[in-house]
Amino acid sequence: DEPDAAKSAKAWRDLFGDKFNPPAGRSDSSRPSSAARLSGLTAGAVAP
């Protein structure tokens, strides 16, 4: 969900390690779709 490409890459890298290294300064994706967001609401959120 992180909209900043560099911050998002770092967050993924924190999970998968230093070998996860997307090209700097670019992102090949748009923001997540609403369907994708609803399927992964954080704990404590309420939605059908």
All heavy atoms as atom14 arrays in JSON, in Angstrom:
{
  "sequence": "DEPDAAKSAKAWRDLFGDKFNPPAGRSDSSRPSSAARLSGLTAGAVAP",
  "atom14_mask": [
    [1, 1, 1, 1, 1, 1, 1, 1, 0, 0, 0, 0, 0, 0],
    [1, 1, 1, 1, 1, 1, 1, 1, 1, 0, 0, 0, 0, 0],
    [1, 1, 1, 1, 1, 1, 1, 0, 0, 0, 0, 0, 0, 0],
    [1, 1, 1, 1, 1, 1, 1, 1, 0, 0, 0, 0, 0, 0],
    [1, 1, 1, 1, 1, 0, 0, 0, 0, 0, 0, 0, 0, 0],
    [1, 1, 1, 1, 1, 0, 0, 0, 0, 0, 0, 0, 0, 0],
    [1, 1, 1, 1, 1, 1, 1, 1, 1, 0, 0, 0, 0, 0],
    [1, 1, 1, 1, 1, 1, 0, 0, 0, 0, 0, 0, 0, 0],
    [1, 1, 1, 1, 1, 0, 0, 0, 0, 0, 0, 0, 0, 0],
    [1, 1, 1, 1, 1, 1, 1, 1, 1, 0, 0, 0, 0, 0],
    [1, 1, 1, 1, 1, 0, 0, 0, 0, 0, 0, 0, 0, 0],
    [1, 1, 1, 1, 1, 1, 1, 1, 1, 1, 1, 1, 1, 1],
    [1, 1, 1, 1, 1, 1, 1, 1, 1, 1, 1, 0, 0, 0],
    [1, 1, 1, 1, 1, 1, 1, 1, 0, 0, 0, 0, 0, 0],
    [1, 1, 1, 1, 1, 1, 1, 1, 0, 0, 0, 0, 0, 0],
    [1, 1, 1, 1, 1, 1, 1, 1, 1, 1, 1, 0, 0, 0],
    [1, 1, 1, 1, 0, 0, 0, 0, 0, 0, 0, 0, 0, 0],
    [1, 1, 1, 1, 1, 1, 1, 1, 0, 0, 0, 0, 0, 0],
    [1, 1, 1, 1, 1, 1, 1, 1, 1, 0, 0, 0, 0, 0],
    [1, 1, 1, 1, 1, 1, 1, 1, 1, 1, 1, 0, 0, 0],
    [1, 1, 1, 1, 1, 1, 1, 1, 0, 0, 0, 0, 0, 0],
    [1, 1, 1, 1, 1, 1, 1, 0, 0, 0, 0, 0, 0, 0],
    [1, 1, 1, 1, 1, 1, 1, 0, 0, 0, 0, 0, 0, 0],
    [1, 1, 1, 1, 1, 0, 0, 0, 0, 0, 0, 0, 0, 0],
    [1, 1, 1, 1, 0, 0, 0, 0, 0, 0, 0, 0, 0, 0],
    [1, 1, 1, 1, 1, 1, 1, 1, 1, 1, 1, 0, 0, 0],
    [1, 1, 1, 1, 1, 1, 0, 0, 0, 0, 0, 0, 0, 0],
    [1, 1, 1, 1, 1, 1, 1, 1, 0, 0, 0, 0, 0, 0],
    [1, 1, 1, 1, 1, 1, 0, 0, 0, 0, 0, 0, 0, 0],
    [1, 1, 1, 1, 1, 1, 0, 0, 0, 0, 0, 0, 0, 0],
    [1, 1, 1, 1, 1, 1, 1, 1, 1, 1, 1, 0, 0, 0],
    [1, 1, 1, 1, 1, 1, 1, 0, 0, 0, 0, 0, 0, 0],
    [1, 1, 1, 1, 1, 1, 0, 0, 0, 0, 0, 0, 0, 0],
    [1, 1, 1, 1, 1, 1, 0, 0, 0, 0, 0, 0, 0, 0],
    [1, 1, 1, 1, 1, 0, 0, 0, 0, 0, 0, 0, 0, 0],
    [1, 1, 1, 1, 1, 0, 0, 0, 0, 0, 0, 0, 0, 0],
    [1, 1, 1, 1, 1, 1, 1, 1, 1, 1, 1, 0, 0, 0],
    [1, 1, 1, 1, 1, 1, 1, 1, 0, 0, 0, 0, 0, 0],
    [1, 1, 1, 1, 1, 1, 0, 0, 0, 0, 0, 0, 0, 0],
    [1, 1, 1, 1, 0, 0, 0, 0, 0, 0, 0, 0, 0, 0],
    [1, 1, 1, 1, 1, 1, 1, 1, 0, 0, 0, 0, 0, 0],
    [1, 1, 1, 1, 1, 1, 1, 0, 0, 0, 0, 0, 0, 0],
    [1, 1, 1, 1, 1, 0, 0, 0, 0, 0, 0, 0, 0, 0],
    [1, 1, 1, 1, 0, 0, 0, 0, 0, 0, 0, 0, 0, 0],
    [1, 1, 1, 1, 1, 0, 0, 0, 0, 0, 0, 0, 0, 0],
    [1, 1, 1, 1, 1, 1, 1, 0, 0, 0, 0, 0, 0, 0],
    [1, 1, 1, 1, 1, 0, 0, 0, 0, 0, 0, 0, 0, 0],
    [1, 1, 1, 1, 1, 1, 1, 0, 0, 0, 0, 0, 0, 0]
  ],
  "atom14_positions": [
    [[0.8, -1.23, 0.0], [0.0, 0.0, 0.0], [0.83, 1.27, 0.0], [0.29, 2.36, -0.24], [-0.93, 0.02, 1.23], [-2.14, -0.9, 1.07], [-2.36, -1.39, -0.07], [-2.85, -1.13, 2.05], [0.0, 0.0, 0.0], [0.0, 0.0, 0.0], [0.0, 0.0, 0.0], [0.0, 0.0, 0.0], [0.0, 0.0, 0.0], [0.0, 0.0, 0.0]],
    [[2.13, 1.17, 0.3], [2.98, 2.36, 0.36], [3.06, 3.03, -1.03], [3.5, 2.41, -2.0], [4.4, 1.97, 0.82], [5.42, 3.07, 0.74], [5.03, 4.33, 1.48], [4.76, 4.24, 2.7], [4.98, 5.4, 0.83], [0.0, 0.0, 0.0], [0.0, 0.0, 0.0], [0.0, 0.0, 0.0], [0.0, 0.0, 0.0], [0.0, 0.0, 0.0]],
    [[2.63, 4.3, -1.16], [2.6, 4.96, -2.48], [3.96, 5.41, -2.98], [4.13, 5.59, -4.18], [1.68, 6.16, -2.25], [1.81, 6.47, -0.79], [2.0, 5.15, -0.11], [0.0, 0.0, 0.0], [0.0, 0.0, 0.0], [0.0, 0.0, 0.0], [0.0, 0.0, 0.0], [0.0, 0.0, 0.0], [0.0, 0.0, 0.0], [0.0, 0.0, 0.0]],
    [[4.92, 5.6, -2.08], [6.25, 6.05, -2.5], [7.07, 4.84, -2.96], [7.24, 3.87, -2.22], [6.94, 6.76, -1.33], [8.3, 7.3, -1.72], [9.29, 6.55, -1.61], [8.37, 8.47, -2.15], [0.0, 0.0, 0.0], [0.0, 0.0, 0.0], [0.0, 0.0, 0.0], [0.0, 0.0, 0.0], [0.0, 0.0, 0.0], [0.0, 0.0, 0.0]],
    [[7.59, 4.89, -4.19], [8.28, 3.74, -4.78], [9.49, 3.33, -3.95], [9.71, 2.14, -3.71], [8.71, 4.07, -6.21], [0.0, 0.0, 0.0], [0.0, 0.0, 0.0], [0.0, 0.0, 0.0], [0.0, 0.0, 0.0], [0.0, 0.0, 0.0], [0.0, 0.0, 0.0], [0.0, 0.0, 0.0], [0.0, 0.0, 0.0], [0.0, 0.0, 0.0]],
    [[10.3, 4.29, -3.53], [11.51, 3.97, -2.77], [11.17, 3.39, -1.41], [11.79, 2.41, -0.96], [12.38, 5.21, -2.62], [0.0, 0.0, 0.0], [0.0, 0.0, 0.0], [0.0, 0.0, 0.0], [0.0, 0.0, 0.0], [0.0, 0.0, 0.0], [0.0, 0.0, 0.0], [0.0, 0.0, 0.0], [0.0, 0.0, 0.0], [0.0, 0.0, 0.0]],
    [[10.19, 3.97, -0.73], [9.8, 3.47, 0.58], [9.17, 2.08, 0.47], [9.4, 1.21, 1.31], [8.83, 4.44, 1.25], [9.46, 5.77, 1.67], [8.43, 6.68, 2.33], [9.05, 8.01, 2.76], [8.03, 8.91, 3.37], [0.0, 0.0, 0.0], [0.0, 0.0, 0.0], [0.0, 0.0, 0.0], [0.0, 0.0, 0.0], [0.0, 0.0, 0.0]],
    [[8.39, 1.88, -0.58], [7.79, 0.57, -0.79], [8.86, -0.48, -1.05], [8.82, -1.59, -0.5], [6.81, 0.62, -1.96], [6.32, -0.66, -2.27], [0.0, 0.0, 0.0], [0.0, 0.0, 0.0], [0.0, 0.0, 0.0], [0.0, 0.0, 0.0], [0.0, 0.0, 0.0], [0.0, 0.0, 0.0], [0.0, 0.0, 0.0], [0.0, 0.0, 0.0]],
    [[9.84, -0.14, -1.9], [10.92, -1.08, -2.2], [11.67, -1.44, -0.93], [12.03, -2.61, -0.72], [11.87, -0.48, -3.22], [0.0, 0.0, 0.0], [0.0, 0.0, 0.0], [0.0, 0.0, 0.0], [0.0, 0.0, 0.0], [0.0, 0.0, 0.0], [0.0, 0.0, 0.0], [0.0, 0.0, 0.0], [0.0, 0.0, 0.0], [0.0, 0.0, 0.0]],
    [[11.92, -0.46, -0.06], [12.61, -0.73, 1.2], [11.78, -1.66, 2.08], [12.31, -2.57, 2.73], [12.91, 0.56, 1.95], [13.68, 0.33, 3.26], [13.93, 1.62, 4.01], [14.75, 1.35, 5.28], [14.12, 0.36, 6.16], [0.0, 0.0, 0.0], [0.0, 0.0, 0.0], [0.0, 0.0, 0.0], [0.0, 0.0, 0.0], [0.0, 0.0, 0.0]],
    [[10.47, -1.43, 2.1], [9.6, -2.28, 2.93], [9.61, -3.72, 2.43], [9.67, -4.67, 3.23], [8.18, -1.72, 2.94], [0.0, 0.0, 0.0], [0.0, 0.0, 0.0], [0.0, 0.0, 0.0], [0.0, 0.0, 0.0], [0.0, 0.0, 0.0], [0.0, 0.0, 0.0], [0.0, 0.0, 0.0], [0.0, 0.0, 0.0], [0.0, 0.0, 0.0]],
    [[9.56, -3.9, 1.11], [9.65, -5.25, 0.57], [11.03, -5.85, 0.86], [11.14, -7.04, 1.18], [9.42, -5.25, -0.95], [8.0, -5.11, -1.39], [7.47, -4.09, -2.12], [6.92, -6.02, -1.16], [6.13, -4.29, -2.36], [5.76, -5.48, -1.78], [6.8, -7.24, -0.48], [4.52, -6.13, -1.75], [5.57, -7.88, -0.45], [4.45, -7.32, -1.08]],
    [[12.06, -5.01, 0.77], [13.43, -5.5, 1.02], [13.61, -5.9, 2.48], [14.34, -6.85, 2.79], [14.44, -4.43, 0.62], [15.88, -4.9, 0.62], [16.77, -4.03, -0.25], [16.62, -2.62, 0.01], [16.07, -1.75, -0.83], [15.61, -2.15, -2.01], [15.97, -0.47, -0.53], [0.0, 0.0, 0.0], [0.0, 0.0, 0.0], [0.0, 0.0, 0.0]],
    [[12.95, -5.18, 3.38], [13.01, -5.55, 4.8], [12.44, -6.96, 5.02], [12.86, -7.67, 5.94], [12.25, -4.54, 5.65], [12.98, -3.21, 5.79], [14.2, -3.17, 5.49], [12.33, -2.21, 6.17], [0.0, 0.0, 0.0], [0.0, 0.0, 0.0], [0.0, 0.0, 0.0], [0.0, 0.0, 0.0], [0.0, 0.0, 0.0], [0.0, 0.0, 0.0]],
    [[11.49, -7.34, 4.17], [10.9, -8.68, 4.26], [11.79, -9.73, 3.6], [12.12, -10.76, 4.22], [9.54, -8.69, 3.56], [8.3, -8.44, 4.41], [7.09, -8.23, 3.5], [8.05, -9.59, 5.37], [0.0, 0.0, 0.0], [0.0, 0.0, 0.0], [0.0, 0.0, 0.0], [0.0, 0.0, 0.0], [0.0, 0.0, 0.0], [0.0, 0.0, 0.0]],
    [[12.19, -9.47, 2.36], [12.86, -10.5, 1.56], [14.38, -10.42, 1.58], [15.04, -11.32, 1.07], [12.36, -10.43, 0.11], [10.97, -10.96, -0.07], [9.91, -10.1, -0.3], [10.72, -12.31, 0.01], [8.62, -10.58, -0.48], [9.44, -12.81, -0.17], [8.38, -11.95, -0.4], [0.0, 0.0, 0.0], [0.0, 0.0, 0.0], [0.0, 0.0, 0.0]],
    [[14.93, -9.37, 2.16], [16.38, -9.27, 2.23], [16.97, -8.4, 1.14], [16.28, -7.92, 0.24], [0.0, 0.0, 0.0], [0.0, 0.0, 0.0], [0.0, 0.0, 0.0], [0.0, 0.0, 0.0], [0.0, 0.0, 0.0], [0.0, 0.0, 0.0], [0.0, 0.0, 0.0], [0.0, 0.0, 0.0], [0.0, 0.0, 0.0], [0.0, 0.0, 0.0]],
    [[18.28, -8.22, 1.2], [18.97, -7.28, 0.31], [18.92, -7.68, -1.15], [19.16, -6.85, -2.03], [20.43, -7.13, 0.75], [20.56, -6.42, 2.09], [19.6, -5.72, 2.48], [21.62, -6.57, 2.75], [0.0, 0.0, 0.0], [0.0, 0.0, 0.0], [0.0, 0.0, 0.0], [0.0, 0.0, 0.0], [0.0, 0.0, 0.0], [0.0, 0.0, 0.0]],
    [[18.64, -8.94, -1.45], [18.57, -9.36, -2.85], [17.32, -8.84, -3.55], [17.24, -8.88, -4.79], [18.64, -10.88, -2.94], [19.98, -11.46, -2.51], [20.0, -12.99, -2.61], [21.32, -13.55, -2.15], [21.32, -15.05, -2.19], [0.0, 0.0, 0.0], [0.0, 0.0, 0.0], [0.0, 0.0, 0.0], [0.0, 0.0, 0.0], [0.0, 0.0, 0.0]],
    [[16.36, -8.38, -2.78], [15.17, -7.76, -3.37], [15.51, -6.3, -3.62], [15.51, -5.49, -2.7], [13.96, -7.89, -2.45], [12.67, -7.47, -3.1], [11.86, -8.43, -3.71], [12.27, -6.15, -3.14], [10.67, -8.06, -4.33], [11.09, -5.77, -3.76], [10.29, -6.73, -4.35], [0.0, 0.0, 0.0], [0.0, 0.0, 0.0], [0.0, 0.0, 0.0]],
    [[15.79, -5.96, -4.87], [16.34, -4.63, -5.16], [15.79, -4.1, -6.48], [16.46, -4.13, -7.51], [17.87, -4.71, -5.22], [18.52, -3.36, -5.22], [17.96, -2.39, -4.76], [19.72, -3.3, -5.77], [0.0, 0.0, 0.0], [0.0, 0.0, 0.0], [0.0, 0.0, 0.0], [0.0, 0.0, 0.0], [0.0, 0.0, 0.0], [0.0, 0.0, 0.0]],
    [[14.55, -3.56, -6.47], [13.98, -3.01, -7.71], [14.81, -1.84, -8.22], [15.5, -1.16, -7.44], [12.59, -2.53, -7.27], [12.31, -3.23, -5.99], [13.63, -3.44, -5.33], [0.0, 0.0, 0.0], [0.0, 0.0, 0.0], [0.0, 0.0, 0.0], [0.0, 0.0, 0.0], [0.0, 0.0, 0.0], [0.0, 0.0, 0.0], [0.0, 0.0, 0.0]],
    [[14.77, -1.57, -9.52], [15.49, -0.42, -10.07], [15.08, 0.87, -9.36], [13.9, 1.1, -9.11], [15.06, -0.4, -11.54], [14.66, -1.8, -11.83], [14.07, -2.34, -10.55], [0.0, 0.0, 0.0], [0.0, 0.0, 0.0], [0.0, 0.0, 0.0], [0.0, 0.0, 0.0], [0.0, 0.0, 0.0], [0.0, 0.0, 0.0], [0.0, 0.0, 0.0]],
    [[16.06, 1.68, -9.01], [15.79, 2.9, -8.25], [15.01, 3.9, -9.09], [15.22, 4.03, -10.29], [17.11, 3.53, -7.79], [0.0, 0.0, 0.0], [0.0, 0.0, 0.0], [0.0, 0.0, 0.0], [0.0, 0.0, 0.0], [0.0, 0.0, 0.0], [0.0, 0.0, 0.0], [0.0, 0.0, 0.0], [0.0, 0.0, 0.0], [0.0, 0.0, 0.0]],
    [[14.09, 4.57, -8.43], [13.42, 5.7, -9.05], [12.32, 5.35, -10.01], [11.88, 6.2, -10.77], [0.0, 0.0, 0.0], [0.0, 0.0, 0.0], [0.0, 0.0, 0.0], [0.0, 0.0, 0.0], [0.0, 0.0, 0.0], [0.0, 0.0, 0.0], [0.0, 0.0, 0.0], [0.0, 0.0, 0.0], [0.0, 0.0, 0.0], [0.0, 0.0, 0.0]],
    [[11.86, 4.11, -10.02], [10.78, 3.75, -10.91], [9.87, 2.72, -10.26], [10.27, 1.97, -9.39], [11.3, 3.2, -12.24], [12.16, 1.97, -12.09], [12.5, 1.35, -13.41], [11.34, 0.69, -13.98], [11.43, -0.26, -14.93], [12.6, -0.63, -15.38], [10.34, -0.84, -15.4], [0.0, 0.0, 0.0], [0.0, 0.0, 0.0], [0.0, 0.0, 0.0]],
    [[8.65, 2.73, -10.68], [7.69, 1.7, -10.25], [6.87, 1.31, -11.45], [6.48, 2.15, -12.26], [6.79, 2.23, -9.14], [5.78, 1.29, -8.85], [0.0, 0.0, 0.0], [0.0, 0.0, 0.0], [0.0, 0.0, 0.0], [0.0, 0.0, 0.0], [0.0, 0.0, 0.0], [0.0, 0.0, 0.0], [0.0, 0.0, 0.0], [0.0, 0.0, 0.0]],
    [[6.6, 0.05, -11.61], [5.86, -0.43, -12.77], [4.41, -0.73, -12.43], [3.73, -1.44, -13.15], [6.53, -1.68, -13.35], [6.76, -2.75, -12.3], [6.03, -2.74, -11.29], [7.65, -3.56, -12.49], [0.0, 0.0, 0.0], [0.0, 0.0, 0.0], [0.0, 0.0, 0.0], [0.0, 0.0, 0.0], [0.0, 0.0, 0.0], [0.0, 0.0, 0.0]],
    [[3.94, -0.22, -11.31], [2.59, -0.57, -10.89], [1.82, 0.67, -10.5], [2.37, 1.71, -10.14], [2.63, -1.54, -9.71], [3.25, -0.93, -8.61], [0.0, 0.0, 0.0], [0.0, 0.0, 0.0], [0.0, 0.0, 0.0], [0.0, 0.0, 0.0], [0.0, 0.0, 0.0], [0.0, 0.0, 0.0], [0.0, 0.0, 0.0], [0.0, 0.0, 0.0]],
    [[0.52, 0.55, -10.55], [-0.36, 1.6, -10.06], [-0.68, 1.32, -8.6], [-0.26, 0.32, -8.04], [-1.64, 1.63, -10.89], [-2.3, 0.39, -10.8], [0.0, 0.0, 0.0], [0.0, 0.0, 0.0], [0.0, 0.0, 0.0], [0.0, 0.0, 0.0], [0.0, 0.0, 0.0], [0.0, 0.0, 0.0], [0.0, 0.0, 0.0], [0.0, 0.0, 0.0]],
    [[-1.5, 2.18, -8.01], [-1.92, 1.91, -6.64], [-2.81, 0.69, -6.6], [-3.45, 0.34, -7.59], [-2.66, 3.13, -6.08], [-1.76, 4.33, -5.86], [-2.57, 5.52, -5.36], [-3.16, 5.25, -4.07], [-2.53, 5.43, -2.91], [-1.28, 5.82, -2.89], [-3.14, 5.18, -1.78], [0.0, 0.0, 0.0], [0.0, 0.0, 0.0], [0.0, 0.0, 0.0]],
    [[-2.85, -0.01, -5.47], [-3.65, -1.23, -5.39], [-5.11, -0.97, -5.7], [-5.64, 0.09, -5.42], [-3.47, -1.68, -3.94], [-2.26, -0.96, -3.45], [-2.16, 0.3, -4.23], [0.0, 0.0, 0.0], [0.0, 0.0, 0.0], [0.0, 0.0, 0.0], [0.0, 0.0, 0.0], [0.0, 0.0, 0.0], [0.0, 0.0, 0.0], [0.0, 0.0, 0.0]],
    [[-5.75, -1.96, -6.3], [-7.17, -1.84, -6.58], [-7.97, -1.94, -5.3], [-7.51, -2.42, -4.28], [-7.6, -2.97, -7.52], [-7.52, -4.21, -6.86], [0.0, 0.0, 0.0], [0.0, 0.0, 0.0], [0.0, 0.0, 0.0], [0.0, 0.0, 0.0], [0.0, 0.0, 0.0], [0.0, 0.0, 0.0], [0.0, 0.0, 0.0], [0.0, 0.0, 0.0]],
    [[-9.22, -1.48, -5.36], [-10.06, -1.54, -4.17], [-10.3, -2.97, -3.74], [-10.36, -3.29, -2.56], [-11.41, -0.84, -4.44], [-12.07, -1.46, -5.53], [0.0, 0.0, 0.0], [0.0, 0.0, 0.0], [0.0, 0.0, 0.0], [0.0, 0.0, 0.0], [0.0, 0.0, 0.0], [0.0, 0.0, 0.0], [0.0, 0.0, 0.0], [0.0, 0.0, 0.0]],
    [[-10.41, -3.87, -4.71], [-10.62, -5.28, -4.35], [-9.43, -5.83, -3.6], [-9.58, -6.55, -2.62], [-10.86, -6.11, -5.62], [0.0, 0.0, 0.0], [0.0, 0.0, 0.0], [0.0, 0.0, 0.0], [0.0, 0.0, 0.0], [0.0, 0.0, 0.0], [0.0, 0.0, 0.0], [0.0, 0.0, 0.0], [0.0, 0.0, 0.0], [0.0, 0.0, 0.0]],
    [[-8.23, -5.46, -4.04], [-7.04, -5.94, -3.35], [-6.96, -5.37, -1.96], [-6.56, -6.03, -1.01], [-5.79, -5.57, -4.14], [0.0, 0.0, 0.0], [0.0, 0.0, 0.0], [0.0, 0.0, 0.0], [0.0, 0.0, 0.0], [0.0, 0.0, 0.0], [0.0, 0.0, 0.0], [0.0, 0.0, 0.0], [0.0, 0.0, 0.0], [0.0, 0.0, 0.0]],
    [[-7.34, -4.1, -1.81], [-7.3, -3.47, -0.49], [-8.28, -4.15, 0.47], [-7.94, -4.47, 1.6], [-7.68, -1.99, -0.59], [-6.61, -1.1, -1.17], [-7.14, 0.31, -1.26], [-6.12, 1.19, -1.76], [-5.18, 1.77, -1.0], [-5.13, 1.48, 0.28], [-4.28, 2.56, -1.51], [0.0, 0.0, 0.0], [0.0, 0.0, 0.0], [0.0, 0.0, 0.0]],
    [[-9.5, -4.39, 0.02], [-10.5, -4.95, 0.91], [-10.13, -6.34, 1.37], [-10.45, -6.74, 2.48], [-11.86, -4.99, 0.2], [-12.56, -3.64, 0.03], [-13.82, -3.82, -0.8], [-12.89, -3.01, 1.37], [0.0, 0.0, 0.0], [0.0, 0.0, 0.0], [0.0, 0.0, 0.0], [0.0, 0.0, 0.0], [0.0, 0.0, 0.0], [0.0, 0.0, 0.0]],
    [[-9.43, -7.08, 0.54], [-9.07, -8.45, 0.93], [-8.0, -8.47, 1.99], [-7.75, -9.5, 2.59], [-8.59, -9.23, -0.29], [-7.34, -8.74, -0.71], [0.0, 0.0, 0.0], [0.0, 0.0, 0.0], [0.0, 0.0, 0.0], [0.0, 0.0, 0.0], [0.0, 0.0, 0.0], [0.0, 0.0, 0.0], [0.0, 0.0, 0.0], [0.0, 0.0, 0.0]],
    [[-7.36, -7.35, 2.24], [-6.25, -7.38, 3.17], [-6.29, -6.29, 4.21], [-5.26, -5.75, 4.59], [0.0, 0.0, 0.0], [0.0, 0.0, 0.0], [0.0, 0.0, 0.0], [0.0, 0.0, 0.0], [0.0, 0.0, 0.0], [0.0, 0.0, 0.0], [0.0, 0.0, 0.0], [0.0, 0.0, 0.0], [0.0, 0.0, 0.0], [0.0, 0.0, 0.0]],
    [[-7.48, -5.92, 4.7], [-7.57, -4.92, 5.75], [-6.82, -5.38, 6.98], [-6.8, -6.56, 7.29], [-9.04, -4.66, 6.11], [-9.85, -3.9, 5.05], [-11.32, -3.93, 5.42], [-9.36, -2.47, 4.92], [0.0, 0.0, 0.0], [0.0, 0.0, 0.0], [0.0, 0.0, 0.0], [0.0, 0.0, 0.0], [0.0, 0.0, 0.0], [0.0, 0.0, 0.0]],
    [[-6.19, -4.48, 7.67], [-5.4, -4.84, 8.84], [-6.29, -5.35, 9.95], [-7.49, -5.11, 9.99], [-4.61, -3.62, 9.33], [-5.52, -2.55, 9.56], [-3.6, -3.19, 8.28], [0.0, 0.0, 0.0], [0.0, 0.0, 0.0], [0.0, 0.0, 0.0], [0.0, 0.0, 0.0], [0.0, 0.0, 0.0], [0.0, 0.0, 0.0], [0.0, 0.0, 0.0]],
    [[-5.68, -6.06, 10.88], [-6.41, -6.63, 12.0], [-7.14, -5.54, 12.77], [-6.62, -4.46, 13.03], [-5.45, -7.36, 12.94], [0.0, 0.0, 0.0], [0.0, 0.0, 0.0], [0.0, 0.0, 0.0], [0.0, 0.0, 0.0], [0.0, 0.0, 0.0], [0.0, 0.0, 0.0], [0.0, 0.0, 0.0], [0.0, 0.0, 0.0], [0.0, 0.0, 0.0]],
    [[-8.4, -5.82, 13.12], [-9.19, -4.86, 13.87], [-10.14, -4.08, 13.0], [-11.11, -3.52, 13.47], [0.0, 0.0, 0.0], [0.0, 0.0, 0.0], [0.0, 0.0, 0.0], [0.0, 0.0, 0.0], [0.0, 0.0, 0.0], [0.0, 0.0, 0.0], [0.0, 0.0, 0.0], [0.0, 0.0, 0.0], [0.0, 0.0, 0.0], [0.0, 0.0, 0.0]],
    [[-9.88, -4.0, 11.68], [-10.79, -3.32, 10.78], [-11.98, -4.21, 10.52], [-11.91, -5.43, 10.58], [-10.09, -2.99, 9.47], [0.0, 0.0, 0.0], [0.0, 0.0, 0.0], [0.0, 0.0, 0.0], [0.0, 0.0, 0.0], [0.0, 0.0, 0.0], [0.0, 0.0, 0.0], [0.0, 0.0, 0.0], [0.0, 0.0, 0.0], [0.0, 0.0, 0.0]],
    [[-13.13, -3.61, 10.21], [-14.35, -4.36, 10.0], [-14.89, -4.04, 8.62], [-15.08, -2.89, 8.27], [-15.41, -4.01, 11.07], [-16.69, -4.79, 10.8], [-14.88, -4.3, 12.46], [0.0, 0.0, 0.0], [0.0, 0.0, 0.0], [0.0, 0.0, 0.0], [0.0, 0.0, 0.0], [0.0, 0.0, 0.0], [0.0, 0.0, 0.0], [0.0, 0.0, 0.0]],
    [[-15.11, -5.06, 7.82], [-15.7, -4.89, 6.51], [-16.31, -6.21, 6.08], [-15.82, -7.27, 6.44], [-14.65, -4.46, 5.49], [0.0, 0.0, 0.0], [0.0, 0.0, 0.0], [0.0, 0.0, 0.0], [0.0, 0.0, 0.0], [0.0, 0.0, 0.0], [0.0, 0.0, 0.0], [0.0, 0.0, 0.0], [0.0, 0.0, 0.0], [0.0, 0.0, 0.0]],
    [[-17.41, -6.17, 5.31], [-18.04, -7.42, 4.89], [-17.08, -8.33, 4.14], [-17.19, -9.53, 4.23], [-19.18, -6.93, 3.97], [-19.48, -5.53, 4.43], [-18.16, -4.98, 4.88], [0.0, 0.0, 0.0], [0.0, 0.0, 0.0], [0.0, 0.0, 0.0], [0.0, 0.0, 0.0], [0.0, 0.0, 0.0], [0.0, 0.0, 0.0], [0.0, 0.0, 0.0]]
  ]
}
